[in-house]
Amino acid sequence: MSELTWACRPFAELSGAELYEALRLRCEVFVVEQRCLYLDVDGADPQALHLMAWQAGRLQAYARLFAPGLKTADVCFGRVLTAPAARGTGLGHELVRRILTECERHWPGQSITIFAQSHLQRYYGAHGFVPVGAEFMEDDIPHQEMQRKAAP
C-alpha cells in the first residue's frame, strides 16, 4: 500500500476533484453511514482550512479547521472522519495529531473548542480535550462540547 499524502489548504485552493471527494466522503460517513439527515454543505467550507490525507488517489481522512471567531471564540475543527476502509489502522489518531499541528501552525498559542459526538469523549480526551458543560443533541446525535486549553 502506498504512503499517505497530507495537504491542508484553504477552500479557494482546492481542486474541483478534491472538493468533490471531500463532500462525497462526508456524505458517505455522516449522512449515509450515521443515518443523519442534515445539510452537510452548510456554508462554512469557504472559511475553513481543509486537512486531507490521500492514498492512491483516494481520500482516507479529512477535517475542517476554523480560525478563532468563526465557529467559536477559540480555534475550532469538525467534520473529522476516516474512510471506512482506513478504520482500525490508527489513522484517526494521526489525523487528530495533524489537526493539532496545523491549528498550532496557523493559530499559535490558541485554545481549541470542538463539538464532539458524545461517544468520542475518550478518543478526544486522549488528545488533551476535556468536556465543557452538559451533553446536548445535534442532528439527533448526542454531542459534548470539549476544549483543549492553550499551553501556558
Protein backbone atom coordinates (compact mmCIF):
# COMPACT_ATOMS: atom_id res chain seq x y z
CA MET A 1 0.00 0.00 0.00
CA SER A 2 1.30 3.47 -0.85
CA GLU A 3 2.08 6.14 1.70
CA LEU A 4 -0.34 8.86 2.71
CA THR A 5 0.00 12.34 1.25
CA TRP A 6 -1.25 15.09 3.57
CA ALA A 7 -2.49 18.50 2.46
CA CYS A 8 -4.02 21.42 4.38
CA ARG A 9 -5.39 24.15 2.17
CA PRO A 10 -8.00 26.88 2.13
CA PHE A 11 -11.18 26.30 0.16
CA ALA A 12 -10.08 28.55 -2.73
CA GLU A 13 -7.04 26.30 -3.34
CA LEU A 14 -8.97 23.02 -3.51
CA SER A 15 -9.39 21.50 -6.94
CA GLY A 16 -12.87 20.55 -8.08
CA ALA A 17 -11.91 16.87 -7.74
CA GLU A 18 -10.62 17.36 -4.17
CA LEU A 19 -13.74 19.22 -3.11
CA TYR A 20 -15.97 16.62 -4.75
CA GLU A 21 -14.19 13.76 -2.97
CA ALA A 22 -14.35 15.56 0.41
CA LEU A 23 -18.08 16.20 0.04
CA ARG A 24 -18.68 12.64 -1.21
CA LEU A 25 -16.86 11.09 1.75
CA ARG A 26 -18.55 13.44 4.24
CA CYS A 27 -21.92 12.39 2.81
CA GLU A 28 -20.95 8.70 2.92
CA VAL A 29 -19.91 8.87 6.58
CA PHE A 30 -22.21 11.43 8.17
CA VAL A 31 -25.41 11.15 6.12
CA VAL A 32 -25.49 7.54 4.88
CA GLU A 33 -23.45 5.58 7.46
CA GLN A 34 -24.67 7.52 10.50
CA ARG A 35 -28.15 7.96 9.01
CA CYS A 36 -28.13 11.62 9.90
CA LEU A 37 -30.31 13.78 7.72
CA TYR A 38 -28.73 17.25 7.80
CA LEU A 39 -27.32 19.87 5.47
CA ASP A 40 -23.62 18.99 5.27
CA VAL A 41 -22.89 21.79 2.81
CA ASP A 42 -23.54 24.42 5.46
CA GLY A 43 -21.87 27.50 4.00
CA ALA A 44 -18.82 27.19 6.28
CA ASP A 45 -16.48 25.43 3.85
CA PRO A 46 -15.20 28.67 2.24
CA GLN A 47 -13.97 29.90 5.67
CA ALA A 48 -12.25 26.63 6.60
CA LEU A 49 -8.88 25.08 6.08
CA HIS A 50 -9.34 21.56 4.71
CA LEU A 51 -6.98 18.89 6.03
CA MET A 52 -6.86 15.81 3.84
CA ALA A 53 -4.92 12.54 3.72
CA TRP A 54 -4.75 10.88 0.31
CA GLN A 55 -3.60 7.40 -0.64
CA ALA A 56 -3.54 6.06 -4.17
CA GLY A 57 -5.85 8.87 -5.30
CA ARG A 58 -8.47 8.17 -2.62
CA LEU A 59 -9.31 10.42 0.32
CA GLN A 60 -8.62 8.47 3.52
CA ALA A 61 -9.05 11.14 6.23
CA TYR A 62 -10.47 14.64 6.40
CA ALA A 63 -11.25 17.54 8.75
CA ARG A 64 -12.20 21.22 8.58
CA LEU A 65 -10.30 23.76 10.70
CA PHE A 66 -11.58 27.22 11.64
CA ALA A 67 -9.79 30.33 12.88
CA PRO A 68 -10.82 31.83 16.23
CA GLY A 69 -14.08 33.75 16.00
CA LEU A 70 -15.59 31.83 13.08
CA LYS A 71 -17.36 28.95 14.86
CA THR A 72 -16.39 29.67 18.47
CA ALA A 73 -14.23 32.24 20.25
CA ASP A 74 -11.45 29.62 20.06
CA VAL A 75 -9.95 27.70 17.18
CA CYS A 76 -12.42 25.00 16.17
CA PHE A 77 -12.40 21.92 13.98
CA GLY A 78 -15.02 19.48 12.79
CA ARG A 79 -16.23 17.10 10.09
CA VAL A 80 -13.48 14.78 11.34
CA LEU A 81 -13.58 11.44 9.54
CA THR A 82 -11.65 8.48 8.24
CA ALA A 83 -12.79 6.46 5.26
CA PRO A 84 -14.44 3.19 6.29
CA ALA A 85 -11.65 1.13 4.66
CA ALA A 86 -8.99 3.02 6.68
CA ARG A 87 -10.52 2.47 10.12
CA GLY A 88 -8.66 0.45 12.72
CA THR A 89 -5.28 1.46 11.32
CA GLY A 90 -4.50 4.32 13.73
CA LEU A 91 -5.19 6.88 11.01
CA GLY A 92 -7.86 8.60 13.12
CA HIS A 93 -5.38 9.41 15.88
CA GLU A 94 -2.82 10.50 13.29
CA LEU A 95 -5.50 12.78 11.83
CA VAL A 96 -6.11 14.43 15.22
CA ARG A 97 -2.36 14.88 15.74
CA ARG A 98 -2.14 16.53 12.31
CA ILE A 99 -5.15 18.72 13.13
CA LEU A 100 -3.45 19.91 16.33
CA THR A 101 -0.21 20.57 14.45
CA GLU A 102 -2.00 22.60 11.76
CA CYS A 103 -4.01 24.54 14.36
CA GLU A 104 -0.79 25.46 16.16
CA ARG A 105 0.91 26.38 12.88
CA HIS A 106 -1.91 28.67 11.74
CA TRP A 107 -3.10 30.00 15.12
CA PRO A 108 -0.26 29.54 17.62
CA GLY A 109 -0.99 29.51 21.34
CA GLN A 110 -4.77 29.30 20.95
CA SER A 111 -7.23 27.11 22.83
CA ILE A 112 -9.37 24.76 20.74
CA THR A 113 -13.08 24.07 21.20
CA ILE A 114 -14.88 21.22 19.46
CA PHE A 115 -18.38 19.76 19.48
CA ALA A 116 -17.73 16.02 19.53
CA GLN A 117 -20.17 13.18 19.27
CA SER A 118 -20.50 12.10 22.90
CA HIS A 119 -19.30 8.54 22.33
CA LEU A 120 -15.93 10.01 21.21
CA GLN A 121 -15.10 11.76 24.50
CA ARG A 122 -12.35 9.28 25.42
CA TYR A 123 -10.95 9.44 21.90
CA TYR A 124 -10.56 13.23 22.05
CA GLY A 125 -9.62 13.04 25.73
CA ALA A 126 -6.52 11.09 24.66
CA HIS A 127 -5.51 14.26 22.77
CA GLY A 128 -5.97 16.61 25.72
CA PHE A 129 -9.62 17.61 25.30
CA VAL A 130 -11.89 17.85 28.35
CA PRO A 131 -15.71 18.09 28.46
CA VAL A 132 -17.26 21.52 28.98
CA GLY A 133 -20.90 21.87 30.06
CA ALA A 134 -23.73 19.43 29.54
CA GLU A 135 -24.29 17.00 26.74
CA PHE A 136 -26.63 18.27 24.00
CA MET A 137 -28.40 16.89 20.96
CA GLU A 138 -27.38 17.94 17.47
CA ASP A 139 -28.95 16.29 14.42
CA ASP A 140 -30.40 13.60 16.72
CA ILE A 141 -26.92 12.58 17.93
CA PRO A 142 -25.68 13.28 21.49
CA HIS A 143 -22.77 15.74 21.44
CA GLN A 144 -20.39 17.16 24.02
CA GLU A 145 -18.53 20.46 23.86
CA MET A 146 -14.86 19.82 24.58
CA GLN A 147 -11.90 22.13 24.98
CA ARG A 148 -8.15 21.86 24.80
CA LYS A 149 -6.57 24.80 26.58
CA ALA A 150 -3.59 26.52 25.06
CA ALA A 151 -0.29 25.63 26.67
CA PRO A 152 0.74 28.31 29.21
